[in-house]
Amino acid sequence: MTAIAEQKRVCVLGSTGSVGVSTLSVILQQSDRFQVFALTAHSNIDLLMEQCRVFHPKYLVVTNPDLYQALSVRVKVDCLGAVVMSGSESLNEIVSHEDVDIIVAGIVGAAGLDSIYHALCRGKRVLVANKEPLVMAGDFLVDVAKKNHATILPIDSEHNAIFQCLSQCVPPYLHDQGISKILLTASGGPFLNTPIDELKNVSVSQAIKHPKWEMGRKISIDSATMMNKGLEVIEAHYLFAAPVDTIEVVVHPQSIVHSMVQYVDGSTLAQLAYPDMRVPIGHALNYPHRVALNVKPLCLEDMSSLQFQAPDFKRFPCLLLAYESLTKGRAAVVGLNAINEVVVAGFLDNKIRFSDISILIESVMTDFNASNPNTIEEVFDVNAAAREFATEHLSKFKAAEVYGGV
């Protein structure tokens, strides 16, 4: 069999984001194994064009329809030959294409759920980077994958680490494996040691500066509040069929140990690496094989002073809110995710203070009521209702708390 025949055709959703850029870096190193079939972006068509010139995909999708004409003209002028599509429905069409082997799902937030669902319905291998789809509909997605012989592989560093520490393949894997506990590590973000009473003065620019990872703005804020770790607890619950009381968060500022799995015989397995998204992406792209990557390996000196501590729920109340949502049913989990997206957007737009994020999320969660969804379609309904409810509360909170009711 020739090298070309062995290539897997990859669709990268959100190729201009941090996960997409890292994915394309891995593919560039392994061009004999992977071929880029499609690239998608929401609005950054400048970078999308640069990627198109390097990887020559058959399809480009820009989900912002207002940019379709501009992108089409540029592709034609440069004689790149890619078919240009637009709108969110185009994502579903691309991931369902019979020529696609692997989908890398790097679209931020709830917007990535629909395309993941369609890919799994078509039996694809889906590498999931963003937490929100699995948080919103993890049990549904796992069931769809089973029914259609599809595969879900996590490429966020923590869940990929758990995946590497387990003894059997593809989710859900915890049944009959002798697992006693999952230990999700957390860096603690940029404010791990900041006095709590000073958090109200944190600026957006300070909050998005993660000490270890290069990430997008929304996930950087989630890391700073530790909501990202709360969402990862929910994700692990669904992805690994793990009871919530077996999932523990451990603060590990060095971000060298990406997560651990404890077994009933007293063994604890951990996955260690420098904080570099190319490691989990490369692992999942090549699974079950391991292929050389141009990344720096750990040395013993890097492991000489690793630190671990329990999370402070007073400093990180969003983490506790996530644990609590799992005890209240599926609607509460979907609602938490949607409300968090709205509130974080409010902070990024300087409408609320950093210390208001958890206060507002808790307030909205307390008042929000919805029936537990029983289908993917109902998940979208609950998500939309929660977003609308949170937006209304955000506008009132802004008037009362930030501008003194003016």
Foldseek 3Di string as FASTA:
>chain_A
DALQVQAAEEEEEALVFPLNVLLVQFCVVVVSHYAYAEYEHAPPLVVVVVVCVVRLHQEYEHAPVVCQVVSVVVCVVVVSNHHYYYHLVVLLVVLLDPRHAEYEQDDEAPSRQVSLLSNLLNQHEYEYEYLHNCLQQLQVSVVSNVVSVHFYAYLHLQRLFVQVQFDDDTPQDPPPRQFQAKEAEAQLFQCNPPPLVCQLVDAQVSQQDGPADNGDSLVSLCSNLVLVVLSVLSSCCRGHVDDSVRYFYKYKNQCFFRIWIAGPVGDIDTHGFRPRSSVSSQPSVDPPDHDDDPDDGDDPVSVPDIDIDHDDCVSRVSSVLSSVQVVVASLLSLLLRLLLVLLSVCSVVVLHGSVCSNVLSVVLSVVDDDDHDDDPVVSVVSSVVSNVSSNVSSVVCSLCPVVPND
